[in-house]
Amino acid sequence: MQSATVRISTTSHNLLQELAAGSGESMQVILDRAIEQYRRQVFLQEANQAYALLRNNSQAWQAELEEREAWDVTLSDE
């Protein structure tokens, strides 16, 4: 696996060490998981913002609801 050096604060490094010691996992694994969690959080925040913008446009929101209704019939497909 390739690696890179990233500077983090002493506080973050100490927290990583504590988490690693408490979990028995490496700091790398903990950091990878934290980054993935953050990536997912950002994705969901962006999706929520996009839907909020869509809902503010009544014509676009109505088109969205109509499209959902059209696709709802596929839920009963077997």
PDB file of N, CA and C in Angstrom:
ATOM      1  N   MET A   1       0.837  -1.168   0.000  1.00  0.00           N
ATOM      2  CA  MET A   1       0.000   0.000   0.000  1.00  0.00           C
ATOM      3  C   MET A   1       0.887   1.238   0.000  1.00  0.00           C
ATOM      4  N   GLN A   2       0.529   2.183  -0.843  1.00  0.00           N
ATOM      5  CA  GLN A   2       1.275   3.436  -0.871  1.00  0.00           C
ATOM      6  C   GLN A   2       0.900   4.268   0.352  1.00  0.00           C
ATOM      7  N   SER A   3       1.795   5.127   0.740  1.00  0.00           N
ATOM      8  CA  SER A   3       1.500   6.004   1.866  1.00  0.00           C
ATOM      9  C   SER A   3       1.997   7.407   1.566  1.00  0.00           C
ATOM     10  N   ALA A   4       1.504   8.339   2.347  1.00  0.00           N
ATOM     11  CA  ALA A   4       1.902   9.738   2.224  1.00  0.00           C
ATOM     12  C   ALA A   4       1.996  10.313   3.624  1.00  0.00           C
ATOM     13  N   THR A   5       2.742  11.356   3.733  1.00  0.00           N
ATOM     14  CA  THR A   5       2.880  12.032   5.018  1.00  0.00           C
ATOM     15  C   THR A   5       1.921  13.218   5.058  1.00  0.00           C
ATOM     16  N   VAL A   6       1.173  13.299   6.145  1.00  0.00           N
ATOM     17  CA  VAL A   6       0.235  14.403   6.339  1.00  0.00           C
ATOM     18  C   VAL A   6       0.476  14.965   7.728  1.00  0.00           C
ATOM     19  N   ARG A   7       0.565  16.262   7.812  1.00  0.00           N
ATOM     20  CA  ARG A   7       0.775  16.887   9.114  1.00  0.00           C
ATOM     21  C   ARG A   7      -0.574  17.010   9.835  1.00  0.00           C
ATOM     22  N   ILE A   8      -0.574  16.602  11.097  1.00  0.00           N
ATOM     23  CA  ILE A   8      -1.747  16.786  11.942  1.00  0.00           C
ATOM     24  C   ILE A   8      -1.276  17.401  13.254  1.00  0.00           C
ATOM     25  N   SER A   9      -2.205  17.939  13.969  1.00  0.00           N
ATOM     26  CA  SER A   9      -1.851  18.571  15.246  1.00  0.00           C
ATOM     27  C   SER A   9      -1.447  17.504  16.264  1.00  0.00           C
ATOM     28  N   THR A  10      -0.728  17.948  17.252  1.00  0.00           N
ATOM     29  CA  THR A  10      -0.329  17.051  18.337  1.00  0.00           C
ATOM     30  C   THR A  10      -1.558  16.483  19.035  1.00  0.00           C
ATOM     31  N   THR A  11      -2.573  17.305  19.203  1.00  0.00           N
ATOM     32  CA  THR A  11      -3.813  16.848  19.832  1.00  0.00           C
ATOM     33  C   THR A  11      -4.443  15.717  19.041  1.00  0.00           C
ATOM     34  N   SER A  12      -4.531  15.873  17.715  1.00  0.00           N
ATOM     35  CA  SER A  12      -5.106  14.824  16.872  1.00  0.00           C
ATOM     36  C   SER A  12      -4.257  13.560  16.921  1.00  0.00           C
ATOM     37  N   HIS A  13      -2.965  13.712  16.912  1.00  0.00           N
ATOM     38  CA  HIS A  13      -2.064  12.556  16.984  1.00  0.00           C
ATOM     39  C   HIS A  13      -2.251  11.812  18.300  1.00  0.00           C
ATOM     40  N   ASN A  14      -2.350  12.552  19.378  1.00  0.00           N
ATOM     41  CA  ASN A  14      -2.567  11.920  20.681  1.00  0.00           C
ATOM     42  C   ASN A  14      -3.904  11.178  20.723  1.00  0.00           C
ATOM     43  N   LEU A  15      -4.935  11.788  20.149  1.00  0.00           N
ATOM     44  CA  LEU A  15      -6.238  11.127  20.093  1.00  0.00           C
ATOM     45  C   LEU A  15      -6.179   9.852  19.253  1.00  0.00           C
ATOM     46  N   LEU A  16      -5.481   9.910  18.138  1.00  0.00           N
ATOM     47  CA  LEU A  16      -5.309   8.713  17.311  1.00  0.00           C
ATOM     48  C   LEU A  16      -4.605   7.608  18.093  1.00  0.00           C
ATOM     49  N   GLN A  17      -3.585   7.980  18.829  1.00  0.00           N
ATOM     50  CA  GLN A  17      -2.863   6.986  19.630  1.00  0.00           C
ATOM     51  C   GLN A  17      -3.780   6.369  20.684  1.00  0.00           C
ATOM     52  N   GLU A  18      -4.579   7.185  21.343  1.00  0.00           N
ATOM     53  CA  GLU A  18      -5.511   6.680  22.354  1.00  0.00           C
ATOM     54  C   GLU A  18      -6.546   5.750  21.737  1.00  0.00           C
ATOM     55  N   LEU A  19      -7.101   6.158  20.607  1.00  0.00           N
ATOM     56  CA  LEU A  19      -8.093   5.324  19.929  1.00  0.00           C
ATOM     57  C   LEU A  19      -7.485   4.004  19.481  1.00  0.00           C
ATOM     58  N   ALA A  20      -6.278   4.060  18.969  1.00  0.00           N
ATOM     59  CA  ALA A  20      -5.598   2.843  18.527  1.00  0.00           C
ATOM     60  C   ALA A  20      -5.322   1.919  19.711  1.00  0.00           C
ATOM     61  N   ALA A  21      -4.854   2.478  20.789  1.00  0.00           N
ATOM     62  CA  ALA A  21      -4.555   1.660  21.972  1.00  0.00           C
ATOM     63  C   ALA A  21      -5.832   1.033  22.536  1.00  0.00           C
ATOM     64  N   GLY A  22      -6.905   1.790  22.540  1.00  0.00           N
ATOM     65  CA  GLY A  22      -8.169   1.291  23.085  1.00  0.00           C
ATOM     66  C   GLY A  22      -8.867   0.277  22.212  1.00  0.00           C
ATOM     67  N   SER A  23      -8.663   0.370  20.906  1.00  0.00           N
ATOM     68  CA  SER A  23      -9.371  -0.519  19.978  1.00  0.00           C
ATOM     69  C   SER A  23      -8.529  -1.686  19.499  1.00  0.00           C
ATOM     70  N   GLY A  24      -7.217  -1.548  19.629  1.00  0.00           N
ATOM     71  CA  GLY A  24      -6.344  -2.595  19.105  1.00  0.00           C
ATOM     72  C   GLY A  24      -6.125  -2.483  17.609  1.00  0.00           C
ATOM     73  N   GLU A  25      -6.610  -1.426  17.011  1.00  0.00           N
ATOM     74  CA  GLU A  25      -6.425  -1.200  15.576  1.00  0.00           C
ATOM     75  C   GLU A  25      -5.321  -0.176  15.374  1.00  0.00           C
ATOM     76  N   SER A  26      -4.787  -0.160  14.167  1.00  0.00           N
ATOM     77  CA  SER A  26      -3.717   0.789  13.880  1.00  0.00           C
ATOM     78  C   SER A  26      -4.285   2.201  13.706  1.00  0.00           C
ATOM     79  N   MET A  27      -3.412   3.174  13.892  1.00  0.00           N
ATOM     80  CA  MET A  27      -3.821   4.554  13.667  1.00  0.00           C
ATOM     81  C   MET A  27      -4.252   4.739  12.215  1.00  0.00           C
ATOM     82  N   GLN A  28      -3.597   4.042  11.295  1.00  0.00           N
ATOM     83  CA  GLN A  28      -3.950   4.132   9.870  1.00  0.00           C
ATOM     84  C   GLN A  28      -5.396   3.687   9.641  1.00  0.00           C
ATOM     85  N   VAL A  29      -5.786   2.565  10.236  1.00  0.00           N
ATOM     86  CA  VAL A  29      -7.149   2.058  10.070  1.00  0.00           C
ATOM     87  C   VAL A  29      -8.152   3.051  10.646  1.00  0.00           C
ATOM     88  N   ILE A  30      -7.864   3.572  11.813  1.00  0.00           N
ATOM     89  CA  ILE A  30      -8.769   4.534  12.449  1.00  0.00           C
ATOM     90  C   ILE A  30      -8.888   5.793  11.603  1.00  0.00           C
ATOM     91  N   LEU A  31      -7.779   6.277  11.101  1.00  0.00           N
ATOM     92  CA  LEU A  31      -7.791   7.473  10.262  1.00  0.00           C
ATOM     93  C   LEU A  31      -8.541   7.223   8.957  1.00  0.00           C
ATOM     94  N   ASP A  32      -8.326   6.060   8.341  1.00  0.00           N
ATOM     95  CA  ASP A  32      -9.054   5.709   7.112  1.00  0.00           C
ATOM     96  C   ASP A  32     -10.557   5.696   7.359  1.00  0.00           C
ATOM     97  N   ARG A  33     -10.966   5.109   8.463  1.00  0.00           N
ATOM     98  CA  ARG A  33     -12.397   5.061   8.786  1.00  0.00           C
ATOM     99  C   ARG A  33     -12.965   6.453   9.035  1.00  0.00           C
ATOM    100  N   ALA A  34     -12.202   7.274   9.728  1.00  0.00           N
ATOM    101  CA  ALA A  34     -12.664   8.640  10.004  1.00  0.00           C
ATOM    102  C   ALA A  34     -12.829   9.435   8.712  1.00  0.00           C
ATOM    103  N   ILE A  35     -11.899   9.277   7.803  1.00  0.00           N
ATOM    104  CA  ILE A  35     -11.981   9.988   6.524  1.00  0.00           C
ATOM    105  C   ILE A  35     -13.173   9.503   5.718  1.00  0.00           C
ATOM    106  N   GLU A  36     -13.412   8.197   5.701  1.00  0.00           N
ATOM    107  CA  GLU A  36     -14.575   7.656   4.979  1.00  0.00           C
ATOM    108  C   GLU A  36     -15.878   8.159   5.602  1.00  0.00           C
ATOM    109  N   GLN A  37     -15.934   8.188   6.911  1.00  0.00           N
ATOM    110  CA  GLN A  37     -17.118   8.712   7.608  1.00  0.00           C
ATOM    111  C   GLN A  37     -17.355  10.170   7.227  1.00  0.00           C
ATOM    112  N   TYR A  38     -16.301  10.949   7.188  1.00  0.00           N
ATOM    113  CA  TYR A  38     -16.407  12.362   6.820  1.00  0.00           C
ATOM    114  C   TYR A  38     -16.851  12.511   5.362  1.00  0.00           C
ATOM    115  N   ARG A  39     -16.304  11.679   4.478  1.00  0.00           N
ATOM    116  CA  ARG A  39     -16.695  11.724   3.061  1.00  0.00           C
ATOM    117  C   ARG A  39     -18.187  11.463   2.911  1.00  0.00           C
ATOM    118  N   ARG A  40     -18.690  10.479   3.635  1.00  0.00           N
ATOM    119  CA  ARG A  40     -20.120  10.165   3.574  1.00  0.00           C
ATOM    120  C   ARG A  40     -20.966  11.301   4.130  1.00  0.00           C
ATOM    121  N   GLN A  41     -20.505  11.894   5.220  1.00  0.00           N
ATOM    122  CA  GLN A  41     -21.226  13.013   5.822  1.00  0.00           C
ATOM    123  C   GLN A  41     -21.325  14.178   4.840  1.00  0.00           C
ATOM    124  N   VAL A  42     -20.225  14.514   4.185  1.00  0.00           N
ATOM    125  CA  VAL A  42     -20.214  15.613   3.209  1.00  0.00           C
ATOM    126  C   VAL A  42     -21.149  15.283   2.045  1.00  0.00           C
ATOM    127  N   PHE A  43     -21.120  14.039   1.566  1.00  0.00           N
ATOM    128  CA  PHE A  43     -21.998  13.622   0.468  1.00  0.00           C
ATOM    129  C   PHE A  43     -23.466  13.842   0.845  1.00  0.00           C
ATOM    130  N   LEU A  44     -23.848  13.400   2.042  1.00  0.00           N
ATOM    131  CA  LEU A  44     -25.245  13.542   2.463  1.00  0.00           C
ATOM    132  C   LEU A  44     -25.623  15.002   2.670  1.00  0.00           C
ATOM    133  N   GLN A  45     -24.716  15.803   3.191  1.00  0.00           N
ATOM    134  CA  GLN A  45     -24.998  17.233   3.350  1.00  0.00           C
ATOM    135  C   GLN A  45     -25.225  17.887   1.988  1.00  0.00           C
ATOM    136  N   GLU A  46     -24.396  17.541   1.017  1.00  0.00           N
ATOM    137  CA  GLU A  46     -24.552  18.100  -0.332  1.00  0.00           C
ATOM    138  C   GLU A  46     -25.851  17.637  -0.972  1.00  0.00           C
ATOM    139  N   ALA A  47     -26.213  16.378  -0.766  1.00  0.00           N
ATOM    140  CA  ALA A  47     -27.484  15.872  -1.298  1.00  0.00           C
ATOM    141  C   ALA A  47     -28.658  16.606  -0.653  1.00  0.00           C
ATOM    142  N   ASN A  48     -28.594  16.812   0.652  1.00  0.00           N
ATOM    143  CA  ASN A  48     -29.662  17.539   1.341  1.00  0.00           C
ATOM    144  C   ASN A  48     -29.773  18.975   0.841  1.00  0.00           C
ATOM    145  N   GLN A  49     -28.652  19.619   0.594  1.00  0.00           N
ATOM    146  CA  GLN A  49     -28.668  20.989   0.066  1.00  0.00           C
ATOM    147  C   GLN A  49     -29.286  21.012  -1.331  1.00  0.00           C
ATOM    148  N   ALA A  50     -28.939  20.025  -2.138  1.00  0.00           N
ATOM    149  CA  ALA A  50     -29.487  19.962  -3.496  1.00  0.00           C
ATOM    150  C   ALA A  50     -31.002  19.763  -3.459  1.00  0.00           C
ATOM    151  N   TYR A  51     -31.479  18.895  -2.571  1.00  0.00           N
ATOM    152  CA  TYR A  51     -32.926  18.694  -2.458  1.00  0.00           C
ATOM    153  C   TYR A  51     -33.617  19.942  -1.911  1.00  0.00           C
ATOM    154  N   ALA A  52     -32.969  20.647  -1.006  1.00  0.00           N
ATOM    155  CA  ALA A  52     -33.557  21.891  -0.489  1.00  0.00           C
ATOM    156  C   ALA A  52     -33.713  22.916  -1.609  1.00  0.00           C
ATOM    157  N   LEU A  53     -32.699  23.024  -2.449  1.00  0.00           N
ATOM    158  CA  LEU A  53     -32.794  23.938  -3.595  1.00  0.00           C
ATOM    159  C   LEU A  53     -33.897  23.501  -4.551  1.00  0.00           C
ATOM    160  N   LEU A  54     -33.996  22.204  -4.765  1.00  0.00           N
ATOM    161  CA  LEU A  54     -35.027  21.673  -5.653  1.00  0.00           C
ATOM    162  C   LEU A  54     -36.414  21.981  -5.104  1.00  0.00           C
ATOM    163  N   ARG A  55     -36.585  21.794  -3.807  1.00  0.00           N
ATOM    164  CA  ARG A  55     -37.890  22.061  -3.182  1.00  0.00           C
ATOM    165  C   ARG A  55     -38.260  23.542  -3.244  1.00  0.00           C
ATOM    166  N   ASN A  56     -37.279  24.411  -3.286  1.00  0.00           N
ATOM    167  CA  ASN A  56     -37.555  25.850  -3.379  1.00  0.00           C
ATOM    168  C   ASN A  56     -38.035  26.270  -4.752  1.00  0.00           C
ATOM    169  N   ASN A  57     -37.853  25.402  -5.740  1.00  0.00           N
ATOM    170  CA  ASN A  57     -38.328  25.663  -7.097  1.00  0.00           C
ATOM    171  C   ASN A  57     -39.571  24.794  -7.293  1.00  0.00           C
ATOM    172  N   SER A  58     -40.756  25.395  -7.149  1.00  0.00           N
ATOM    173  CA  SER A  58     -41.998  24.613  -7.142  1.00  0.00           C
ATOM    174  C   SER A  58     -42.201  23.815  -8.427  1.00  0.00           C
ATOM    175  N   GLN A  59     -41.826  24.382  -9.556  1.00  0.00           N
ATOM    176  CA  GLN A  59     -42.005  23.674 -10.829  1.00  0.00           C
ATOM    177  C   GLN A  59     -41.066  22.460 -10.907  1.00  0.00           C
ATOM    178  N   ALA A  60     -39.823  22.652 -10.526  1.00  0.00           N
ATOM    179  CA  ALA A  60     -38.861  21.547 -10.542  1.00  0.00           C
ATOM    180  C   ALA A  60     -39.244  20.481  -9.520  1.00  0.00           C
ATOM    181  N   TRP A  61     -39.737  20.915  -8.358  1.00  0.00           N
ATOM    182  CA  TRP A  61     -40.130  19.951  -7.323  1.00  0.00           C
ATOM    183  C   TRP A  61     -41.327  19.132  -7.785  1.00  0.00           C
ATOM    184  N   GLN A  62     -42.263  19.774  -8.441  1.00  0.00           N
ATOM    185  CA  GLN A  62     -43.422  19.044  -8.959  1.00  0.00           C
ATOM    186  C   GLN A  62     -42.989  18.007  -9.987  1.00  0.00           C
ATOM    187  N   ALA A  63     -42.051  18.373 -10.846  1.00  0.00           N
ATOM    188  CA  ALA A  63     -41.526  17.425 -11.833  1.00  0.00           C
ATOM    189  C   ALA A  63     -40.841  16.248 -11.134  1.00  0.00           C
ATOM    190  N   GLU A  64     -40.130  16.522 -10.061  1.00  0.00           N
ATOM    191  CA  GLU A  64     -39.486  15.462  -9.273  1.00  0.00           C
ATOM    192  C   GLU A  64     -40.522  14.508  -8.697  1.00  0.00           C
ATOM    193  N   LEU A  65     -41.583  15.055  -8.122  1.00  0.00           N
ATOM    194  CA  LEU A  65     -42.633  14.222  -7.543  1.00  0.00           C
ATOM    195  C   LEU A  65     -43.331  13.379  -8.608  1.00  0.00           C
ATOM    196  N   GLU A  66     -43.544  13.964  -9.770  1.00  0.00           N
ATOM    197  CA  GLU A  66     -44.164  13.212 -10.860  1.00  0.00           C
ATOM    198  C   GLU A  66     -43.259  12.077 -11.326  1.00  0.00           C
ATOM    199  N   GLU A  67     -41.972  12.339 -11.401  1.00  0.00           N
ATOM    200  CA  GLU A  67     -41.033  11.289 -11.806  1.00  0.00           C
ATOM    201  C   GLU A  67     -40.992  10.165 -10.771  1.00  0.00           C
ATOM    202  N   ARG A  68     -41.011  10.521  -9.503  1.00  0.00           N
ATOM    203  CA  ARG A  68     -41.037   9.504  -8.446  1.00  0.00           C
ATOM    204  C   ARG A  68     -42.269   8.629  -8.579  1.00  0.00           C
ATOM    205  N   GLU A  69     -43.395   9.276  -8.821  1.00  0.00           N
ATOM    206  CA  GLU A  69     -44.650   8.539  -8.967  1.00  0.00           C
ATOM    207  C   GLU A  69     -44.580   7.587 -10.163  1.00  0.00           C
ATOM    208  N   ALA A  70     -43.993   8.046 -11.242  1.00  0.00           N
ATOM    209  CA  ALA A  70     -43.857   7.188 -12.427  1.00  0.00           C
ATOM    210  C   ALA A  70     -42.983   5.979 -12.117  1.00  0.00           C
ATOM    211  N   TRP A  71     -41.938   6.154 -11.322  1.00  0.00           N
ATOM    212  CA  TRP A  71     -41.036   5.047 -10.986  1.00  0.00           C
ATOM    213  C   TRP A  71     -41.599   4.145  -9.886  1.00  0.00           C
ATOM    214  N   ASP A  72     -42.562   4.639  -9.116  1.00  0.00           N
ATOM    215  CA  ASP A  72     -43.126   3.834  -8.028  1.00  0.00           C
ATOM    216  C   ASP A  72     -43.717   2.513  -8.510  1.00  0.00           C
ATOM    217  N   VAL A  73     -44.191   2.487  -9.739  1.00  0.00           N
ATOM    218  CA  VAL A  73     -44.791   1.244 -10.244  1.00  0.00           C
ATOM    219  C   VAL A  73     -43.750   0.126 -10.361  1.00  0.00           C
ATOM    220  N   THR A  74     -42.488   0.495 -10.438  1.00  0.00           N
ATOM    221  CA  THR A  74     -41.448  -0.538 -10.567  1.00  0.00           C
ATOM    222  C   THR A  74     -41.177  -1.246  -9.242  1.00  0.00           C
ATOM    223  N   LEU A  75     -41.658  -0.683  -8.137  1.00  0.00           N
ATOM    224  CA  LEU A  75     -41.416  -1.286  -6.844  1.00  0.00           C
ATOM    225  C   LEU A  75     -42.102  -2.652  -6.730  1.00  0.00           C
ATOM    226  N   SER A  76     -43.170  -2.847  -7.480  1.00  0.00           N
ATOM    227  CA  SER A  76     -43.885  -4.120  -7.389  1.00  0.00           C
ATOM    228  C   SER A  76     -43.385  -5.150  -8.389  1.00  0.00           C
ATOM    229  N   ASP A  77     -42.369  -4.788  -9.191  1.00  0.00           N
ATOM    230  CA  ASP A  77     -41.800  -5.737 -10.141  1.00  0.00           C
ATOM    231  C   ASP A  77     -41.130  -6.885  -9.387  1.00  0.00           C
ATOM    232  N   GLU A  78     -41.266  -8.053  -9.942  1.00  0.00           N
ATOM    233  CA  GLU A  78     -40.614  -9.209  -9.314  1.00  0.00           C
ATOM    234  C   GLU A  78     -39.585  -9.804 -10.205  1.00  0.00           C
TER     235      GLU A  78
END
